[in-house]
């Protein structure tokens, strides 16, 4: 395995497309490690600083309001227009 990919082994996250923790993605002809959002959740939970973390997709038409300064959002789940997900909301 190339040396630039070996450091991910210390994170003890499986490379399994069914789990989505870690991905090996080709960039510029090289394979590179990319941490998926589920991997971030696993690493955060391991710190012991979080009781639980939930992630939900926010579909097109559901996001009513977003304040980038305070990171507050308003979601209206009944207003879903399409199945395509534009955002991912994490609650902890």
C-alpha atoms as a PDB file:
ATOM      1  CA  UNK A   1       0.000   0.000   0.000  1.00  0.00           C
ATOM      2  CA  UNK A   2       1.367   3.482  -0.837  1.00  0.00           C
ATOM      3  CA  UNK A   3       2.775   5.360   2.158  1.00  0.00           C
ATOM      4  CA  UNK A   4       0.368   8.304   1.738  1.00  0.00           C
ATOM      5  CA  UNK A   5      -2.551   5.930   2.435  1.00  0.00           C
ATOM      6  CA  UNK A   6      -1.087   4.128   5.451  1.00  0.00           C
ATOM      7  CA  UNK A   7      -1.920   6.789   8.051  1.00  0.00           C
ATOM      8  CA  UNK A   8      -5.653   6.046   7.740  1.00  0.00           C
ATOM      9  CA  UNK A   9      -5.007   2.640   9.332  1.00  0.00           C
ATOM     10  CA  UNK A  10      -4.366   4.397  12.651  1.00  0.00           C
ATOM     11  CA  UNK A  11      -7.985   5.608  12.578  1.00  0.00           C
ATOM     12  CA  UNK A  12      -9.220   1.981  12.605  1.00  0.00           C
ATOM     13  CA  UNK A  13     -12.046   2.685  10.159  1.00  0.00           C
ATOM     14  CA  UNK A  14     -12.994   0.025   7.591  1.00  0.00           C
ATOM     15  CA  UNK A  15     -12.794   0.719   3.866  1.00  0.00           C
ATOM     16  CA  UNK A  16     -16.147  -0.720   2.885  1.00  0.00           C
ATOM     17  CA  UNK A  17     -18.464   1.013   0.432  1.00  0.00           C
ATOM     18  CA  UNK A  18     -21.451  -0.408   2.310  1.00  0.00           C
ATOM     19  CA  UNK A  19     -20.413   1.381   5.515  1.00  0.00           C
ATOM     20  CA  UNK A  20     -19.248   4.679   4.004  1.00  0.00           C
ATOM     21  CA  UNK A  21     -16.700   5.471   6.725  1.00  0.00           C
ATOM     22  CA  UNK A  22     -13.674   5.743   4.436  1.00  0.00           C
ATOM     23  CA  UNK A  23     -13.290   5.997   0.680  1.00  0.00           C
ATOM     24  CA  UNK A  24     -10.289   5.575  -1.590  1.00  0.00           C
ATOM     25  CA  UNK A  25     -10.813   8.083  -4.381  1.00  0.00           C
ATOM     26  CA  UNK A  26      -8.651   8.717  -7.466  1.00  0.00           C
ATOM     27  CA  UNK A  27      -7.392  12.306  -7.714  1.00  0.00           C
ATOM     28  CA  UNK A  28      -4.929  13.276 -10.421  1.00  0.00           C
ATOM     29  CA  UNK A  29      -3.973   9.684 -11.158  1.00  0.00           C
ATOM     30  CA  UNK A  30      -3.314   8.853  -7.475  1.00  0.00           C
ATOM     31  CA  UNK A  31      -5.481   7.011  -4.995  1.00  0.00           C
ATOM     32  CA  UNK A  32      -6.232   9.216  -1.994  1.00  0.00           C
ATOM     33  CA  UNK A  33      -7.922   8.624   1.331  1.00  0.00           C
ATOM     34  CA  UNK A  34     -11.223  10.460   1.883  1.00  0.00           C
ATOM     35  CA  UNK A  35     -13.089  10.342   5.156  1.00  0.00           C
ATOM     36  CA  UNK A  36     -16.855   9.980   4.694  1.00  0.00           C
ATOM     37  CA  UNK A  37     -19.376  11.685   6.957  1.00  0.00           C
ATOM     38  CA  UNK A  38     -20.015   8.385   8.749  1.00  0.00           C
ATOM     39  CA  UNK A  39     -16.294   8.191   9.504  1.00  0.00           C
ATOM     40  CA  UNK A  40     -16.416  11.655  11.070  1.00  0.00           C
ATOM     41  CA  UNK A  41     -19.323  10.486  13.230  1.00  0.00           C
ATOM     42  CA  UNK A  42     -17.395   7.397  14.362  1.00  0.00           C
ATOM     43  CA  UNK A  43     -14.322   9.434  15.264  1.00  0.00           C
ATOM     44  CA  UNK A  44     -16.399  12.010  17.159  1.00  0.00           C
ATOM     45  CA  UNK A  45     -18.237   9.315  19.149  1.00  0.00           C
ATOM     46  CA  UNK A  46     -14.910   7.705  20.107  1.00  0.00           C
ATOM     47  CA  UNK A  47     -13.813  10.896  21.867  1.00  0.00           C
ATOM     48  CA  UNK A  48     -16.502  10.368  24.514  1.00  0.00           C
ATOM     49  CA  UNK A  49     -17.518  14.030  24.224  1.00  0.00           C
ATOM     50  CA  UNK A  50     -20.858  13.235  22.557  1.00  0.00           C
ATOM     51  CA  UNK A  51     -23.743  11.173  23.891  1.00  0.00           C
ATOM     52  CA  UNK A  52     -25.213  10.703  20.418  1.00  0.00           C
ATOM     53  CA  UNK A  53     -24.918  12.133  16.929  1.00  0.00           C
ATOM     54  CA  UNK A  54     -27.703  11.963  14.350  1.00  0.00           C
ATOM     55  CA  UNK A  55     -27.386  12.840  10.674  1.00  0.00           C
ATOM     56  CA  UNK A  56     -30.328  13.314   8.344  1.00  0.00           C
ATOM     57  CA  UNK A  57     -30.482  14.324   4.685  1.00  0.00           C
ATOM     58  CA  UNK A  58     -32.236  17.585   3.892  1.00  0.00           C
ATOM     59  CA  UNK A  59     -33.949  17.322   0.528  1.00  0.00           C
ATOM     60  CA  UNK A  60     -34.557  20.045  -1.997  1.00  0.00           C
ATOM     61  CA  UNK A  61     -37.410  22.297  -0.872  1.00  0.00           C
ATOM     62  CA  UNK A  62     -37.184  21.384   2.837  1.00  0.00           C
ATOM     63  CA  UNK A  63     -34.659  23.998   3.958  1.00  0.00           C
ATOM     64  CA  UNK A  64     -36.644  27.089   4.955  1.00  0.00           C
ATOM     65  CA  UNK A  65     -33.926  29.223   6.483  1.00  0.00           C
ATOM     66  CA  UNK A  66     -30.203  28.975   7.268  1.00  0.00           C
ATOM     67  CA  UNK A  67     -28.113  31.416   9.273  1.00  0.00           C
ATOM     68  CA  UNK A  68     -24.440  30.834   8.373  1.00  0.00           C
ATOM     69  CA  UNK A  69     -23.249  32.913  11.345  1.00  0.00           C
ATOM     70  CA  UNK A  70     -25.124  31.071  14.129  1.00  0.00           C
ATOM     71  CA  UNK A  71     -25.549  27.819  12.144  1.00  0.00           C
ATOM     72  CA  UNK A  72     -29.260  27.783  13.016  1.00  0.00           C
ATOM     73  CA  UNK A  73     -31.534  26.175  10.438  1.00  0.00           C
ATOM     74  CA  UNK A  74     -35.274  25.818   9.919  1.00  0.00           C
ATOM     75  CA  UNK A  75     -36.508  22.714   8.108  1.00  0.00           C
ATOM     76  CA  UNK A  76     -40.017  21.983   6.831  1.00  0.00           C
ATOM     77  CA  UNK A  77     -40.059  18.250   6.075  1.00  0.00           C
ATOM     78  CA  UNK A  78     -43.515  18.306   4.483  1.00  0.00           C
ATOM     79  CA  UNK A  79     -42.309  20.635   1.689  1.00  0.00           C
ATOM     80  CA  UNK A  80     -40.099  18.064  -0.011  1.00  0.00           C
ATOM     81  CA  UNK A  81     -40.117  18.699  -3.758  1.00  0.00           C
ATOM     82  CA  UNK A  82     -37.593  16.164  -4.997  1.00  0.00           C
ATOM     83  CA  UNK A  83     -35.777  13.085  -3.697  1.00  0.00           C
ATOM     84  CA  UNK A  84     -32.393  14.720  -4.311  1.00  0.00           C
ATOM     85  CA  UNK A  85     -30.555  15.601  -1.123  1.00  0.00           C
ATOM     86  CA  UNK A  86     -28.665  18.904  -1.082  1.00  0.00           C
ATOM     87  CA  UNK A  87     -27.648  19.063   2.570  1.00  0.00           C
ATOM     88  CA  UNK A  88     -26.808  16.848   5.491  1.00  0.00           C
ATOM     89  CA  UNK A  89     -27.822  17.991   8.968  1.00  0.00           C
ATOM     90  CA  UNK A  90     -25.950  16.680  11.995  1.00  0.00           C
ATOM     91  CA  UNK A  91     -27.432  16.974  15.456  1.00  0.00           C
ATOM     92  CA  UNK A  92     -25.419  16.339  18.603  1.00  0.00           C
END
